[in-house]
Amino acid sequence: MIRRRTTTGLGALLAAATILTALPAASGAPTDGTDHEAAGVDACRPAAAVDGLGAGFPVDDQAIPATGTVHATTVFVDFSDAPAGADTLGAAGDNLRSGVDYLEDISGGRLALQVAASDSWVRMPEPSTAYPFERGLTYAEHVRYIEDAVAAADPSVDFSDTDVVWVVATAEAEAISYSPTTNFLDVTVDGNRLTHAVTIGADQWSWGGLVLAHESGHTFGLPDLYLTEAPADDPGNHHAAVGGWDLMGLISGHAPELFTWSRWQLGWIDDEQVVCADGTTPSSAELVPVPATASADASQDAMLVLPVGATTAVVVENRQRTGYDDGALATGALVYTVDTSVRSGDGPLRVVDATPGSAAGLDDAPFGPGDRWTEPTTGATLTFATAEDQGSADGAPVLTVTVEPDTSATPPLDLDTVVQPRCLGGRGFLAVRVQNGTDVPVSVTVDTPYGTRTVEDVAPDRYVHRTFGTRSPAVPAGTVSVTGHAVVGGEDVTSTEDVPFEAFTCD
């Protein structure tokens, strides 16, 4: 369920992107010769684990599809207390055009924005200060602003095929201070139900069309990558998660391309361009610079993904001074983590800093040729290099990343557990069977809501059978925890597995 949320801008340091909501009314050949599909690309595509905007797959079903043609209708608005200046409409349109160009460029032509616009400034029915952007805009107040703009424009603007409305305030309206978005509009006009709207405020005159591009990212389902709450140990740093490496973080950053992960979410990168490492066998990729992924064919790698948990992964991509990254302060292999269970604004993506503690913050985060980094969960080691005799179409270097598994790690115990509900005499029982697939004897402890039992030294390939009485005809859902302990290669090894069971009733 999407929660009602009211958010205000975080000042000039933030990307000023806010989404106001209400309760709804393709792989290139890796250099080691292995097939990218060996790990299975789906293993590198964790499912969405939060409602609304997030980093998982698929994006929220309320999002506008980011491929194909999207019809946007722009309403340029001014106010009685902030009338638009003479000859300012063209400048406002040019400002937006740069945002449209950005989106179409980085999509590699997979997104086409068809934009219609009011041919003059549309006067709003109330003064700009009547819309409380500066006092904490609520969802209802945001909708009122959009409804007023649509109603005022309707006599001269056709909304019949509109997918998203862009309401653009004149630069004179300083009270419309920032640019929130909603994916939960419910306004019917010209026979068309409008569901998505971006409202562009004063921040566009500082950051240009990238404000529109950022806000459009929300309409496509992408989360905010700045932090709505700065870290306790770094107060005021709302960009401690990704710095200036992504448009959904810091719009005014030095390298405002979109992460390859976000492009994959939107369908702007094919599965064939993703190298999916499994962390247990060596793998490698030759990564073209991020801007080149838009035009790369299926034989060119866009990113390497190393899954580390059910909702988590590590991503490596190549950032060079090309495209919208031409102002990057450092270049190389950018490594970041993804957690699809983390909400928008809480850091679902976080850059790994190759130079922690430097004065440049995350601006010099990329790893360079010869650098190595060990992923802390799997113990896998990533090594970075420049691919020999290779370069992208614009001459920027192609980077090689190699993943070596942690061969020193002791494998977990192999215990196969089956929990079966049973009824006897009108009462429920849990029958638990555990098979030891490990090559050494294992002591097995079975812990249930109805008791705990331990069996010592279960031989390899042998079973443990235990039954637990519940003393009730109606058994609620629960979990059986199975813990194994053994000595493997001279080391004590303990593994625990939680096995859920469904509720059942004995008639």
Protein backbone atom coordinates (compact mmCIF):
# COMPACT_ATOMS: atom_id res chain seq x y z
CA MET A 1 0.00 0.00 0.00
CA ILE A 2 1.36 3.37 -0.88
CA ARG A 3 1.37 5.62 2.14
CA ARG A 4 0.28 9.20 2.10
CA ARG A 5 3.40 11.33 2.25
CA THR A 6 3.96 15.06 2.43
CA THR A 7 7.43 16.30 1.56
CA THR A 8 8.98 19.70 1.17
CA GLY A 9 12.11 20.69 -0.72
CA LEU A 10 15.46 20.27 1.01
CA GLY A 11 16.98 23.45 -0.27
CA ALA A 12 19.47 24.15 -3.00
CA LEU A 13 21.69 21.18 -2.13
CA LEU A 14 18.96 18.67 -2.87
CA ALA A 15 17.78 17.61 -6.26
CA ALA A 16 14.47 19.21 -5.27
CA ALA A 17 12.60 16.20 -6.56
CA THR A 18 9.60 15.14 -4.55
CA ILE A 19 6.76 12.85 -5.40
CA LEU A 20 3.50 13.55 -3.63
CA THR A 21 1.20 10.56 -3.35
CA ALA A 22 -2.08 9.63 -1.79
CA LEU A 23 -3.79 6.34 -1.20
CA PRO A 24 -4.93 5.43 -4.74
CA ALA A 25 -9.12 6.83 -5.11
CA ALA A 26 21.16 -8.53 -23.45
CA SER A 27 24.92 -9.94 -22.64
CA GLY A 28 28.14 -9.42 -24.63
CA ALA A 29 30.70 -12.19 -24.43
CA PRO A 30 32.79 -11.91 -21.25
CA THR A 31 36.53 -12.09 -21.61
CA ASP A 32 36.85 -15.42 -19.80
CA GLY A 33 34.75 -17.06 -22.51
CA THR A 34 31.84 -17.96 -20.23
CA ASP A 35 28.23 -17.41 -21.23
CA HIS A 36 26.56 -14.47 -19.49
CA GLU A 37 23.51 -16.65 -18.99
CA ALA A 38 25.54 -19.13 -16.91
CA ALA A 39 24.48 -17.37 -13.74
CA GLY A 40 21.05 -16.60 -15.21
CA VAL A 41 20.35 -12.92 -15.65
CA ASP A 42 17.22 -13.22 -13.49
CA ALA A 43 19.49 -14.01 -10.54
CA CYS A 44 20.86 -10.49 -10.92
CA ARG A 45 17.44 -8.82 -11.16
CA PRO A 46 16.01 -8.69 -7.61
CA ALA A 47 12.29 -8.17 -7.31
CA ALA A 48 10.78 -4.95 -6.04
CA ALA A 49 10.51 -5.19 -2.26
CA VAL A 50 8.83 -1.87 -1.48
CA ASP A 51 5.65 -0.21 -2.70
CA GLY A 52 5.94 2.82 -4.95
CA LEU A 53 9.25 4.15 -6.26
CA GLY A 54 12.13 1.72 -5.80
CA ALA A 55 15.19 0.01 -7.24
CA GLY A 56 13.65 -3.40 -7.96
CA PHE A 57 12.03 -5.16 -10.88
CA PRO A 58 9.55 -4.42 -12.22
CA VAL A 59 9.10 -0.72 -11.51
CA ASP A 60 5.87 0.28 -9.78
CA ASP A 61 2.80 -0.54 -11.87
CA GLN A 62 1.61 3.06 -11.51
CA ALA A 63 4.61 4.25 -13.54
CA ILE A 64 4.39 5.38 -17.16
CA PRO A 65 6.18 2.93 -19.51
CA ALA A 66 9.58 4.41 -20.38
CA THR A 67 9.75 2.92 -23.87
CA GLY A 68 7.75 3.88 -26.91
CA THR A 69 5.94 7.19 -27.32
CA VAL A 70 4.83 9.25 -24.32
CA HIS A 71 2.51 12.20 -24.94
CA ALA A 72 3.26 15.16 -22.67
CA THR A 73 1.20 18.33 -22.52
CA THR A 74 2.88 21.46 -21.16
CA VAL A 75 0.86 24.23 -19.52
CA PHE A 76 2.88 27.42 -18.96
CA VAL A 77 1.27 29.31 -16.05
CA ASP A 78 1.63 32.75 -14.50
CA PHE A 79 -0.21 34.53 -11.70
CA SER A 80 -1.80 37.83 -10.86
CA ASP A 81 0.97 38.51 -8.34
CA ALA A 82 3.68 37.12 -10.64
CA PRO A 83 2.83 37.87 -14.28
CA ALA A 84 5.20 36.45 -16.88
CA GLY A 85 7.59 38.90 -18.46
CA ALA A 86 7.35 39.85 -22.09
CA ASP A 87 8.86 37.38 -24.56
CA THR A 88 9.61 34.78 -21.87
CA LEU A 89 7.59 31.87 -23.26
CA GLY A 90 10.30 30.87 -25.71
CA ALA A 91 12.96 30.74 -23.01
CA ALA A 92 10.74 28.57 -20.84
CA GLY A 93 10.20 26.17 -23.73
CA ASP A 94 13.92 26.03 -24.49
CA ASN A 95 14.61 25.26 -20.85
CA LEU A 96 12.36 22.22 -21.01
CA ARG A 97 13.76 21.13 -24.36
CA SER A 98 17.11 20.29 -22.81
CA GLY A 99 15.37 17.90 -20.41
CA VAL A 100 13.50 16.22 -23.27
CA ASP A 101 16.77 15.87 -25.19
CA TYR A 102 18.44 14.31 -22.13
CA LEU A 103 15.77 11.63 -21.75
CA GLU A 104 15.64 10.73 -25.42
CA ASP A 105 19.45 10.69 -25.68
CA ILE A 106 20.14 8.38 -22.75
CA SER A 107 17.29 6.06 -23.72
CA GLY A 108 19.06 5.39 -27.00
CA GLY A 109 15.91 6.27 -28.89
CA ARG A 110 13.76 3.83 -26.96
CA LEU A 111 11.75 6.72 -25.53
CA ALA A 112 10.08 9.32 -27.75
CA LEU A 113 8.46 12.31 -26.06
CA GLN A 114 5.74 13.96 -28.10
CA VAL A 115 5.26 17.36 -26.46
CA ALA A 116 2.32 19.72 -26.99
CA ALA A 117 2.14 23.06 -25.18
CA SER A 118 -0.04 26.04 -24.50
CA ASP A 119 0.82 28.78 -26.98
CA SER A 120 0.79 31.49 -24.29
CA TRP A 121 1.03 31.94 -20.56
CA VAL A 122 -2.13 30.66 -18.85
CA ARG A 123 -3.27 32.80 -15.94
CA MET A 124 -3.97 30.79 -12.76
CA PRO A 125 -7.18 31.62 -10.85
CA GLU A 126 -5.32 32.43 -7.63
CA PRO A 127 -2.10 34.28 -6.81
CA SER A 128 1.09 32.20 -6.53
CA THR A 129 1.17 32.59 -2.75
CA ALA A 130 -2.20 30.83 -2.48
CA TYR A 131 -0.45 27.55 -3.35
CA PRO A 132 1.64 26.71 -0.25
CA PHE A 133 4.79 25.31 -1.88
CA GLU A 134 6.95 27.12 0.66
CA ARG A 135 4.89 26.01 3.65
CA GLY A 136 4.86 22.26 3.04
CA LEU A 137 2.71 21.22 0.11
CA THR A 138 0.21 18.42 0.81
CA TYR A 139 -1.06 15.99 -1.77
CA ALA A 140 -4.49 17.68 -1.80
CA GLU A 141 -2.95 21.13 -2.27
CA HIS A 142 -0.72 19.83 -5.05
CA VAL A 143 -3.74 18.33 -6.84
CA ARG A 144 -5.62 21.64 -6.48
CA TYR A 145 -2.73 23.44 -8.16
CA ILE A 146 -2.73 20.96 -11.07
CA GLU A 147 -6.52 21.02 -11.40
CA ASP A 148 -6.51 24.82 -11.53
CA ALA A 149 -3.85 24.78 -14.26
CA VAL A 150 -5.67 22.18 -16.34
CA ALA A 151 -9.03 23.95 -15.99
CA ALA A 152 -7.52 27.31 -16.93
CA ALA A 153 -5.80 25.82 -20.00
CA ASP A 154 -8.64 23.55 -21.16
CA PRO A 155 -10.40 26.11 -23.41
CA SER A 156 -7.30 26.34 -25.61
CA VAL A 157 -5.40 23.08 -24.92
CA ASP A 158 -6.44 19.57 -25.97
CA PHE A 159 -5.72 16.96 -23.28
CA SER A 160 -7.43 14.04 -25.01
CA ASP A 161 -4.26 11.99 -25.66
CA THR A 162 -2.14 13.25 -22.75
CA ASP A 163 -0.09 10.73 -20.73
CA VAL A 164 1.53 13.28 -18.43
CA VAL A 165 0.91 16.97 -17.71
CA TRP A 166 3.81 19.35 -17.18
CA VAL A 167 2.74 22.53 -15.36
CA VAL A 168 5.53 25.11 -15.71
CA ALA A 169 5.46 28.26 -13.57
CA THR A 170 6.93 31.52 -14.76
CA ALA A 171 10.31 32.55 -13.35
CA GLU A 172 8.62 35.50 -11.65
CA ALA A 173 6.65 33.12 -9.40
CA GLU A 174 9.25 32.62 -6.69
CA ALA A 175 6.58 31.22 -4.36
CA ILE A 176 6.38 28.11 -6.58
CA SER A 177 9.75 27.20 -5.20
CA TYR A 178 10.35 23.60 -6.18
CA SER A 179 9.15 20.86 -8.52
CA PRO A 180 7.07 18.00 -7.08
CA THR A 181 5.56 15.13 -9.07
CA THR A 182 2.54 12.91 -8.61
CA ASN A 183 1.75 9.55 -10.19
CA PHE A 184 -1.69 9.48 -8.53
CA LEU A 185 -3.58 12.30 -10.15
CA ASP A 186 -7.25 11.65 -10.88
CA VAL A 187 -8.51 14.41 -13.18
CA THR A 188 -10.69 13.80 -16.22
CA VAL A 189 -10.61 16.36 -19.03
CA ASP A 190 -11.46 16.11 -22.73
CA GLY A 191 -12.58 12.54 -22.11
CA ASN A 192 -9.15 11.53 -20.81
CA ARG A 193 -8.28 10.56 -17.23
CA LEU A 194 -5.02 12.22 -16.24
CA THR A 195 -2.95 10.26 -13.73
CA HIS A 196 0.55 11.77 -13.89
CA ALA A 197 1.77 15.34 -13.50
CA VAL A 198 5.07 17.16 -13.08
CA THR A 199 4.93 20.69 -11.70
CA ILE A 200 8.02 22.73 -12.48
CA GLY A 201 8.94 25.53 -10.10
CA ALA A 202 11.67 28.09 -9.56
CA ASP A 203 14.46 25.50 -9.30
CA GLN A 204 14.29 24.93 -13.06
CA TRP A 205 15.76 28.38 -13.62
CA SER A 206 18.89 27.30 -11.72
CA TRP A 207 19.27 23.75 -13.03
CA GLY A 208 17.59 23.93 -16.42
CA GLY A 209 15.82 21.07 -18.13
CA LEU A 210 17.50 18.47 -15.95
CA VAL A 211 14.81 19.27 -13.36
CA LEU A 212 12.21 18.02 -15.83
CA ALA A 213 14.35 14.96 -16.61
CA HIS A 214 14.70 14.13 -12.90
CA GLU A 215 11.00 14.53 -12.23
CA SER A 216 10.15 12.48 -15.32
CA GLY A 217 12.33 9.74 -13.81
CA HIS A 218 9.74 9.55 -11.03
CA THR A 219 6.88 9.24 -13.49
CA PHE A 220 8.77 6.27 -14.98
CA GLY A 221 9.15 4.72 -11.50
CA LEU A 222 12.68 5.69 -10.44
CA PRO A 223 13.38 6.59 -6.78
CA ASP A 224 15.14 9.60 -5.31
CA LEU A 225 18.80 8.76 -4.69
CA TYR A 226 19.57 11.70 -2.42
CA LEU A 227 18.90 11.13 1.28
CA THR A 228 15.86 12.85 2.77
CA GLU A 229 17.61 12.53 6.14
CA ALA A 230 21.36 13.14 6.24
CA PRO A 231 23.54 10.61 8.12
CA ALA A 232 23.94 11.27 11.82
CA ASP A 233 27.73 11.24 11.43
CA ASP A 234 27.62 13.60 8.43
CA PRO A 235 24.82 16.08 9.11
CA GLY A 236 23.83 18.21 6.19
CA ASN A 237 25.23 15.79 3.58
CA HIS A 238 22.08 14.67 1.83
CA HIS A 239 24.20 13.28 -1.01
CA ALA A 240 26.22 10.81 1.04
CA ALA A 241 24.68 7.85 -0.86
CA VAL A 242 25.56 8.53 -4.51
CA GLY A 243 27.11 12.00 -4.61
CA GLY A 244 26.82 13.63 -8.01
CA TRP A 245 26.96 10.41 -10.03
CA ASP A 246 23.28 10.17 -10.99
CA LEU A 247 20.54 12.58 -12.04
CA MET A 248 18.13 11.06 -9.51
CA GLY A 249 20.56 12.19 -6.81
CA LEU A 250 22.20 15.55 -7.35
CA ILE A 251 20.87 17.34 -10.44
CA SER A 252 23.75 19.83 -10.36
CA GLY A 253 26.37 17.08 -9.97
CA HIS A 254 29.44 16.86 -12.18
CA ALA A 255 28.33 13.56 -13.76
CA PRO A 256 24.52 13.48 -14.03
CA GLU A 257 24.12 10.43 -16.26
CA LEU A 258 21.66 7.74 -15.12
CA PHE A 259 23.14 4.65 -13.50
CA THR A 260 23.09 1.61 -15.77
CA TRP A 261 20.95 -0.09 -13.11
CA SER A 262 18.21 2.51 -13.57
CA ARG A 263 18.47 2.21 -17.35
CA TRP A 264 18.00 -1.55 -17.02
CA GLN A 265 14.91 -0.97 -14.87
CA LEU A 266 13.45 1.30 -17.56
CA GLY A 267 14.16 -1.05 -20.46
CA TRP A 268 16.93 1.14 -21.88
CA ILE A 269 19.53 -1.63 -21.47
CA ASP A 270 18.92 -5.18 -22.69
CA ASP A 271 19.50 -8.32 -20.67
CA GLU A 272 22.18 -9.24 -23.21
CA GLN A 273 24.25 -6.24 -22.08
CA VAL A 274 24.31 -7.38 -18.44
CA VAL A 275 27.08 -9.65 -17.16
CA CYS A 276 25.61 -11.61 -14.24
CA ALA A 277 28.33 -12.94 -11.93
CA ASP A 278 27.41 -15.63 -9.40
CA GLY A 279 30.29 -15.07 -6.97
CA THR A 280 31.24 -18.76 -6.89
CA THR A 281 33.06 -19.02 -10.22
CA PRO A 282 35.40 -16.55 -11.93
CA SER A 283 33.76 -14.12 -14.34
CA SER A 284 34.63 -10.89 -16.11
CA ALA A 285 33.24 -8.17 -18.32
CA GLU A 286 34.50 -5.49 -20.68
CA LEU A 287 32.46 -2.40 -19.90
CA VAL A 288 31.83 0.41 -22.37
CA PRO A 289 31.35 3.91 -20.89
CA VAL A 290 27.84 4.52 -19.57
CA PRO A 291 26.84 7.02 -22.29
CA ALA A 292 27.83 4.46 -24.96
CA THR A 293 25.37 1.90 -23.58
CA ALA A 294 22.56 3.76 -25.33
CA SER A 295 23.98 2.81 -28.73
CA ALA A 296 25.88 -0.36 -27.76
CA ASP A 297 24.97 -3.61 -29.45
CA ALA A 298 24.41 -6.89 -27.66
CA SER A 299 28.11 -7.80 -27.88
CA GLN A 300 29.11 -4.87 -25.64
CA ASP A 301 28.82 -5.07 -21.88
CA ALA A 302 27.01 -2.25 -20.08
CA MET A 303 27.45 -3.42 -16.49
CA LEU A 304 28.48 -6.28 -14.27
CA VAL A 305 26.09 -7.34 -11.50
CA LEU A 306 27.07 -9.50 -8.53
CA PRO A 307 24.04 -10.61 -6.48
CA VAL A 308 24.80 -10.80 -2.76
CA GLY A 309 21.35 -11.39 -1.24
CA ALA A 310 17.65 -11.77 -2.01
CA THR A 311 17.24 -7.99 -2.41
CA THR A 312 20.85 -6.85 -2.76
CA ALA A 313 23.49 -6.69 -5.46
CA VAL A 314 26.75 -4.96 -6.38
CA VAL A 315 26.98 -3.18 -9.74
CA VAL A 316 30.06 -2.07 -11.67
CA GLU A 317 29.91 0.40 -14.56
CA ASN A 318 32.41 2.47 -16.56
CA ARG A 319 32.30 6.26 -16.02
CA GLN A 320 34.35 8.42 -18.38
CA ARG A 321 34.25 12.09 -19.44
CA THR A 322 31.75 11.55 -22.24
CA GLY A 323 28.10 12.43 -22.74
CA TYR A 324 26.55 14.07 -19.69
CA ASP A 325 29.57 12.87 -17.67
CA ASP A 326 31.88 15.33 -19.46
CA GLY A 327 32.33 17.27 -16.21
CA ALA A 328 33.27 14.24 -14.08
CA LEU A 329 36.10 15.03 -11.66
CA ALA A 330 37.39 11.43 -11.77
CA THR A 331 36.96 8.47 -14.10
CA GLY A 332 37.11 4.71 -13.84
CA ALA A 333 35.04 1.79 -12.59
CA LEU A 334 32.18 3.04 -10.44
CA VAL A 335 30.96 0.45 -7.94
CA TYR A 336 27.68 0.76 -6.08
CA THR A 337 25.31 -1.38 -4.08
CA VAL A 338 21.60 -1.89 -4.73
CA ASP A 339 19.02 -2.84 -2.11
CA THR A 340 15.48 -3.20 -3.44
CA SER A 341 14.06 -3.30 0.11
CA VAL A 342 15.13 0.32 0.75
CA ARG A 343 12.67 3.10 -0.03
CA SER A 344 13.11 6.16 -2.19
CA GLY A 345 15.11 8.80 -0.33
CA ASP A 346 16.61 6.28 2.11
CA GLY A 347 19.51 5.18 -0.10
CA PRO A 348 18.43 2.21 -2.27
CA LEU A 349 21.66 2.73 -4.25
CA ARG A 350 24.96 3.61 -2.58
CA VAL A 351 28.31 4.30 -4.21
CA VAL A 352 31.37 2.45 -2.90
CA ASP A 353 34.14 5.00 -2.37
CA ALA A 354 37.56 3.94 -3.68
CA THR A 355 39.12 6.86 -1.77
CA PRO A 356 37.25 7.07 1.55
CA GLY A 357 38.02 10.16 3.57
CA SER A 358 39.26 12.22 0.64
CA ALA A 359 38.42 15.91 0.46
CA ALA A 360 36.49 15.28 -2.78
CA GLY A 361 33.87 13.10 -1.08
CA LEU A 362 32.34 10.75 -3.65
CA ASP A 363 33.51 12.83 -6.61
CA ASP A 364 36.66 10.66 -6.79
CA ALA A 365 34.90 7.38 -5.94
CA PRO A 366 35.73 5.35 -9.11
CA PHE A 367 38.33 2.59 -8.97
CA GLY A 368 41.26 2.85 -11.37
CA PRO A 369 43.27 0.28 -13.36
CA GLY A 370 45.09 -2.06 -11.00
CA ASP A 371 42.74 -1.42 -8.07
CA ARG A 372 41.12 -4.31 -6.21
CA TRP A 373 38.06 -4.38 -3.96
CA THR A 374 36.67 -7.21 -1.84
CA GLU A 375 32.90 -7.46 -1.55
CA PRO A 376 32.27 -7.96 2.19
CA THR A 377 29.29 -10.35 2.02
CA THR A 378 30.54 -12.93 -0.49
CA GLY A 379 34.26 -12.31 -0.05
CA ALA A 380 34.60 -12.11 -3.85
CA THR A 381 37.44 -9.91 -5.12
CA LEU A 382 36.87 -7.46 -7.98
CA THR A 383 39.89 -6.34 -10.01
CA PHE A 384 39.80 -3.44 -12.45
CA ALA A 385 41.88 -2.83 -15.59
CA THR A 386 41.81 -1.07 -18.94
CA ALA A 387 40.92 -3.39 -21.80
CA GLU A 388 43.85 -3.63 -24.20
CA ASP A 389 43.42 -2.34 -27.76
CA GLN A 390 39.80 -1.44 -27.13
CA GLY A 391 37.93 1.82 -26.93
CA SER A 392 34.38 3.01 -27.30
CA ALA A 393 33.09 4.83 -30.36
CA ASP A 394 34.11 8.20 -28.89
CA GLY A 395 37.59 6.98 -27.96
CA ALA A 396 36.96 6.61 -24.23
CA PRO A 397 38.55 3.52 -22.67
CA VAL A 398 36.75 0.23 -22.19
CA LEU A 399 37.32 -1.18 -18.70
CA THR A 400 37.72 -4.79 -17.65
CA VAL A 401 36.37 -6.00 -14.31
CA THR A 402 37.17 -9.50 -13.08
CA VAL A 403 35.38 -11.27 -10.23
CA GLU A 404 37.27 -13.94 -8.31
CA PRO A 405 35.37 -15.98 -5.69
CA ASP A 406 36.58 -16.32 -2.12
CA THR A 407 38.12 -19.79 -2.19
CA SER A 408 39.09 -19.60 1.48
CA ALA A 409 35.51 -19.52 2.69
CA THR A 410 34.12 -22.69 4.22
CA PRO A 411 30.94 -23.76 2.40
CA PRO A 412 27.74 -23.92 4.46
CA LEU A 413 26.37 -27.25 5.63
CA ASP A 414 24.03 -28.98 3.19
CA LEU A 415 20.80 -29.67 5.06
CA ASP A 416 17.55 -30.36 3.21
CA THR A 417 14.48 -29.73 5.38
CA VAL A 418 10.86 -30.64 4.67
CA VAL A 419 8.00 -29.62 6.99
CA GLN A 420 4.67 -31.42 6.56
CA PRO A 421 1.39 -30.68 8.39
CA ARG A 422 -0.42 -33.75 9.71
CA CYS A 423 -3.62 -34.45 11.63
CA LEU A 424 -4.25 -37.18 14.16
CA GLY A 425 -7.29 -37.45 16.40
CA GLY A 426 -8.45 -33.97 15.34
CA ARG A 427 -5.21 -32.32 16.42
CA GLY A 428 -2.40 -30.84 14.37
CA PHE A 429 1.17 -32.12 14.19
CA LEU A 430 4.30 -30.91 12.40
CA ALA A 431 6.38 -33.66 10.81
CA VAL A 432 9.94 -32.46 10.15
CA ARG A 433 12.44 -34.37 8.04
CA VAL A 434 16.06 -33.22 7.68
CA GLN A 435 18.56 -34.88 5.34
CA ASN A 436 22.30 -34.38 5.81
CA GLY A 437 23.85 -33.79 2.38
CA THR A 438 27.22 -32.85 3.88
CA ASP A 439 30.19 -35.22 3.62
CA VAL A 440 30.68 -35.32 7.40
CA PRO A 441 28.40 -36.09 10.37
CA VAL A 442 26.27 -33.15 11.47
CA SER A 443 24.49 -32.46 14.76
CA VAL A 444 20.99 -31.22 13.93
CA THR A 445 18.71 -29.08 16.14
CA VAL A 446 15.08 -28.64 15.09
CA ASP A 447 13.37 -25.68 16.77
CA THR A 448 9.60 -25.23 16.33
CA PRO A 449 6.93 -23.19 18.15
CA TYR A 450 5.97 -26.50 19.78
CA GLY A 451 9.32 -27.70 21.03
CA THR A 452 13.00 -28.23 20.26
CA ARG A 453 14.90 -31.47 19.66
CA THR A 454 18.54 -32.23 18.89
CA VAL A 455 20.02 -35.28 17.18
CA GLU A 456 23.79 -35.71 17.41
CA ASP A 457 26.07 -36.88 14.60
CA VAL A 458 23.67 -37.52 11.75
CA ALA A 459 25.68 -39.44 9.16
CA PRO A 460 26.07 -38.23 5.57
CA ASP A 461 22.98 -38.89 3.40
CA ARG A 462 20.97 -39.97 6.46
CA TYR A 463 17.66 -38.49 7.63
CA VAL A 464 16.29 -37.13 10.88
CA HIS A 465 12.52 -37.51 11.41
CA ARG A 466 10.82 -35.70 14.28
CA THR A 467 7.14 -34.97 14.95
CA PHE A 468 5.86 -32.14 17.12
CA GLY A 469 2.35 -32.07 18.57
CA THR A 470 0.53 -28.75 18.65
CA ARG A 471 -2.39 -29.87 20.87
CA SER A 472 -4.73 -27.81 18.72
CA PRO A 473 -7.01 -28.46 15.71
CA ALA A 474 -6.13 -25.06 14.22
CA VAL A 475 -2.43 -24.41 13.67
CA PRO A 476 -1.32 -20.90 12.66
CA ALA A 477 1.43 -20.27 10.12
CA GLY A 478 4.93 -20.27 11.54
CA THR A 479 8.57 -21.15 11.01
CA VAL A 480 10.73 -24.17 11.77
CA SER A 481 14.39 -23.30 12.39
CA VAL A 482 16.96 -26.01 11.65
CA THR A 483 20.54 -25.55 12.86
CA GLY A 484 23.41 -27.86 11.93
CA HIS A 485 26.84 -28.03 13.57
CA ALA A 486 29.84 -29.94 12.27
CA VAL A 487 33.62 -29.91 12.01
CA VAL A 488 34.64 -29.42 8.38
CA GLY A 489 38.30 -29.35 7.44
CA GLY A 490 39.23 -28.80 11.07
CA GLU A 491 36.90 -25.79 11.41
CA ASP A 492 33.67 -25.52 13.39
CA VAL A 493 30.83 -24.72 10.98
CA THR A 494 27.27 -23.79 11.93
CA SER A 495 24.42 -23.25 9.48
CA THR A 496 20.83 -22.25 10.21
CA GLU A 497 17.85 -22.46 7.87
CA ASP A 498 14.35 -21.12 8.53
CA VAL A 499 11.56 -23.08 6.83
CA PRO A 500 8.07 -21.51 6.88
CA PHE A 501 4.88 -23.53 7.06
CA GLU A 502 1.33 -22.48 6.26
CA ALA A 503 -1.64 -22.47 8.63
CA PHE A 504 -3.79 -25.59 8.59
CA THR A 505 -6.89 -26.96 10.31
CA CYS A 506 -7.76 -30.50 11.33
CA ASP A 507 -11.46 -31.26 10.89
